[in-house]
Amino acid sequence: MKKKHNPYLASLLSIPVPGLGQIYAGKSERGATILVITIIVGNLNAIWLTLHASTIPGINAFWAEYLPRLLHDLFAAYGVIFLVWQVIDAYQQVKKSFPSDGNTT
């Protein structure tokens, strides 16, 4: 008999540490993959902004100032979407792995 897990706890665990809710649900590989993707994308975003945030003299202001900021904001928006997805996914993984004790047909 499997120990019953709480899907809400899985969701809460996934907010501060992406992938932790999936690990709690028994999907260790999925959780580790989500954590690694989060680290890679977060670092790429930080590197991108650092490399391109300064104004480069002699080129169009759009390419020097606005495009890097726009891309940073786009990466951040995708990060928020990914965070919301993985929190919902953690909830669903617990529901799939540990169905309630009600009638199943």
C-alpha atoms as a PDB file:
ATOM      1  CA  MET A   1       0.000   0.000   0.000  1.00  0.00           C
ATOM      2  CA  LYS A   2       1.357   3.380  -1.011  1.00  0.00           C
ATOM      3  CA  LYS A   3       1.584   6.193   1.482  1.00  0.00           C
ATOM      4  CA  LYS A   4      -0.940   8.928   0.691  1.00  0.00           C
ATOM      5  CA  HIS A   5       0.593  12.222  -0.404  1.00  0.00           C
ATOM      6  CA  ASN A   6      -1.002  15.658  -0.389  1.00  0.00           C
ATOM      7  CA  PRO A   7      -1.205  17.323  -3.839  1.00  0.00           C
ATOM      8  CA  TYR A   8      -1.393  20.780  -2.263  1.00  0.00           C
ATOM      9  CA  LEU A   9       1.845  20.152  -0.394  1.00  0.00           C
ATOM     10  CA  ALA A  10       3.481  19.084  -3.673  1.00  0.00           C
ATOM     11  CA  SER A  11       2.365  22.368  -5.240  1.00  0.00           C
ATOM     12  CA  LEU A  12       3.685  24.393  -2.312  1.00  0.00           C
ATOM     13  CA  LEU A  13       7.037  22.575  -2.414  1.00  0.00           C
ATOM     14  CA  SER A  14       7.380  23.434  -6.106  1.00  0.00           C
ATOM     15  CA  ILE A  15       7.118  27.189  -5.570  1.00  0.00           C
ATOM     16  CA  PRO A  16      10.458  27.832  -3.797  1.00  0.00           C
ATOM     17  CA  VAL A  17      12.278  24.866  -5.407  1.00  0.00           C
ATOM     18  CA  PRO A  18      11.000  23.974  -8.880  1.00  0.00           C
ATOM     19  CA  GLY A  19      10.836  20.197  -9.269  1.00  0.00           C
ATOM     20  CA  LEU A  20      10.620  19.428  -5.549  1.00  0.00           C
ATOM     21  CA  GLY A  21       6.889  18.739  -5.783  1.00  0.00           C
ATOM     22  CA  GLN A  22       7.490  16.194  -8.539  1.00  0.00           C
ATOM     23  CA  ILE A  23      10.160  14.526  -6.405  1.00  0.00           C
ATOM     24  CA  TYR A  24       7.678  14.434  -3.489  1.00  0.00           C
ATOM     25  CA  ALA A  25       5.168  12.791  -5.863  1.00  0.00           C
ATOM     26  CA  GLY A  26       7.651  10.016  -6.587  1.00  0.00           C
ATOM     27  CA  LYS A  27       8.721  11.355  -9.990  1.00  0.00           C
ATOM     28  CA  SER A  28      12.375  11.965  -9.137  1.00  0.00           C
ATOM     29  CA  GLU A  29      13.692  12.088 -12.710  1.00  0.00           C
ATOM     30  CA  ARG A  30      10.973  14.521 -13.766  1.00  0.00           C
ATOM     31  CA  GLY A  31      11.654  16.727 -10.744  1.00  0.00           C
ATOM     32  CA  ALA A  32      15.408  16.708 -11.288  1.00  0.00           C
ATOM     33  CA  THR A  33      14.904  17.607 -14.960  1.00  0.00           C
ATOM     34  CA  ILE A  34      12.683  20.549 -14.031  1.00  0.00           C
ATOM     35  CA  LEU A  35      15.227  21.752 -11.470  1.00  0.00           C
ATOM     36  CA  VAL A  36      18.109  21.537 -13.959  1.00  0.00           C
ATOM     37  CA  ILE A  37      16.102  23.346 -16.666  1.00  0.00           C
ATOM     38  CA  THR A  38      15.243  26.100 -14.181  1.00  0.00           C
ATOM     39  CA  ILE A  39      18.898  26.562 -13.223  1.00  0.00           C
ATOM     40  CA  ILE A  40      20.091  26.597 -16.848  1.00  0.00           C
ATOM     41  CA  VAL A  41      17.435  29.009 -18.117  1.00  0.00           C
ATOM     42  CA  GLY A  42      17.842  31.300 -15.098  1.00  0.00           C
ATOM     43  CA  ASN A  43      21.601  31.472 -15.585  1.00  0.00           C
ATOM     44  CA  LEU A  44      21.276  32.037 -19.331  1.00  0.00           C
ATOM     45  CA  ASN A  45      18.909  34.915 -18.634  1.00  0.00           C
ATOM     46  CA  ALA A  46      21.356  36.455 -16.153  1.00  0.00           C
ATOM     47  CA  ILE A  47      24.278  35.993 -18.544  1.00  0.00           C
ATOM     48  CA  TRP A  48      22.319  37.464 -21.459  1.00  0.00           C
ATOM     49  CA  LEU A  49      21.367  40.574 -19.518  1.00  0.00           C
ATOM     50  CA  THR A  50      24.893  41.036 -18.186  1.00  0.00           C
ATOM     51  CA  LEU A  51      26.516  40.732 -21.610  1.00  0.00           C
ATOM     52  CA  HIS A  52      24.116  43.018 -23.412  1.00  0.00           C
ATOM     53  CA  ALA A  53      22.904  45.496 -20.803  1.00  0.00           C
ATOM     54  CA  SER A  54      25.588  48.083 -21.388  1.00  0.00           C
ATOM     55  CA  THR A  55      25.204  50.613 -24.153  1.00  0.00           C
ATOM     56  CA  ILE A  56      27.546  49.943 -27.025  1.00  0.00           C
ATOM     57  CA  PRO A  57      28.694  53.200 -28.639  1.00  0.00           C
ATOM     58  CA  GLY A  58      28.166  53.635 -32.343  1.00  0.00           C
ATOM     59  CA  ILE A  59      25.143  51.394 -32.879  1.00  0.00           C
ATOM     60  CA  ASN A  60      21.438  52.030 -33.005  1.00  0.00           C
ATOM     61  CA  ALA A  61      19.890  52.712 -29.580  1.00  0.00           C
ATOM     62  CA  PHE A  62      17.286  49.979 -30.098  1.00  0.00           C
ATOM     63  CA  TRP A  63      19.910  47.264 -30.473  1.00  0.00           C
ATOM     64  CA  ALA A  64      22.042  48.595 -27.636  1.00  0.00           C
ATOM     65  CA  GLU A  65      19.395  49.423 -25.040  1.00  0.00           C
ATOM     66  CA  TYR A  66      15.912  48.170 -25.805  1.00  0.00           C
ATOM     67  CA  LEU A  67      16.451  44.771 -27.394  1.00  0.00           C
ATOM     68  CA  PRO A  68      18.442  43.295 -24.473  1.00  0.00           C
ATOM     69  CA  ARG A  69      15.836  44.520 -21.994  1.00  0.00           C
ATOM     70  CA  LEU A  70      13.000  43.243 -24.166  1.00  0.00           C
ATOM     71  CA  LEU A  71      14.623  39.807 -24.419  1.00  0.00           C
ATOM     72  CA  HIS A  72      15.266  39.750 -20.676  1.00  0.00           C
ATOM     73  CA  ASP A  73      11.601  40.522 -20.014  1.00  0.00           C
ATOM     74  CA  LEU A  74      10.555  37.842 -22.489  1.00  0.00           C
ATOM     75  CA  PHE A  75      12.768  35.271 -20.752  1.00  0.00           C
ATOM     76  CA  ALA A  76      11.317  36.340 -17.398  1.00  0.00           C
ATOM     77  CA  ALA A  77       7.751  35.942 -18.700  1.00  0.00           C
ATOM     78  CA  TYR A  78       8.532  32.436 -19.919  1.00  0.00           C
ATOM     79  CA  GLY A  79      10.060  31.740 -16.512  1.00  0.00           C
ATOM     80  CA  VAL A  80       6.818  32.709 -14.770  1.00  0.00           C
ATOM     81  CA  ILE A  81       4.788  30.555 -17.175  1.00  0.00           C
ATOM     82  CA  PHE A  82       7.157  27.635 -16.538  1.00  0.00           C
ATOM     83  CA  LEU A  83       6.865  28.128 -12.763  1.00  0.00           C
ATOM     84  CA  VAL A  84       3.065  28.069 -12.887  1.00  0.00           C
ATOM     85  CA  TRP A  85       3.112  25.001 -15.147  1.00  0.00           C
ATOM     86  CA  GLN A  86       5.430  23.013 -12.909  1.00  0.00           C
ATOM     87  CA  VAL A  87       3.386  23.862  -9.777  1.00  0.00           C
ATOM     88  CA  ILE A  88       0.247  22.557 -11.523  1.00  0.00           C
ATOM     89  CA  ASP A  89       2.198  19.557 -12.794  1.00  0.00           C
ATOM     90  CA  ALA A  90       3.338  18.687  -9.246  1.00  0.00           C
ATOM     91  CA  TYR A  91      -0.301  18.706  -8.121  1.00  0.00           C
ATOM     92  CA  GLN A  92      -1.316  16.473 -11.035  1.00  0.00           C
ATOM     93  CA  GLN A  93       1.568  14.046 -10.497  1.00  0.00           C
ATOM     94  CA  VAL A  94       0.453  13.409  -6.913  1.00  0.00           C
ATOM     95  CA  LYS A  95      -3.139  12.906  -8.066  1.00  0.00           C
ATOM     96  CA  LYS A  96      -1.963  10.360 -10.677  1.00  0.00           C
ATOM     97  CA  SER A  97       0.501   8.549  -8.421  1.00  0.00           C
ATOM     98  CA  PHE A  98      -1.653   8.475  -5.298  1.00  0.00           C
ATOM     99  CA  PRO A  99      -5.342   8.414  -6.293  1.00  0.00           C
ATOM    100  CA  SER A 100      -7.858   9.024  -3.542  1.00  0.00           C
ATOM    101  CA  ASP A 101      -9.340   6.061  -1.702  1.00  0.00           C
ATOM    102  CA  GLY A 102     -12.759   6.627  -3.260  1.00  0.00           C
ATOM    103  CA  ASN A 103     -14.450   4.254  -5.690  1.00  0.00           C
ATOM    104  CA  THR A 104     -12.517   3.718  -8.903  1.00  0.00           C
ATOM    105  CA  THR A 105     -14.200   2.055 -11.825  1.00  0.00           C
END
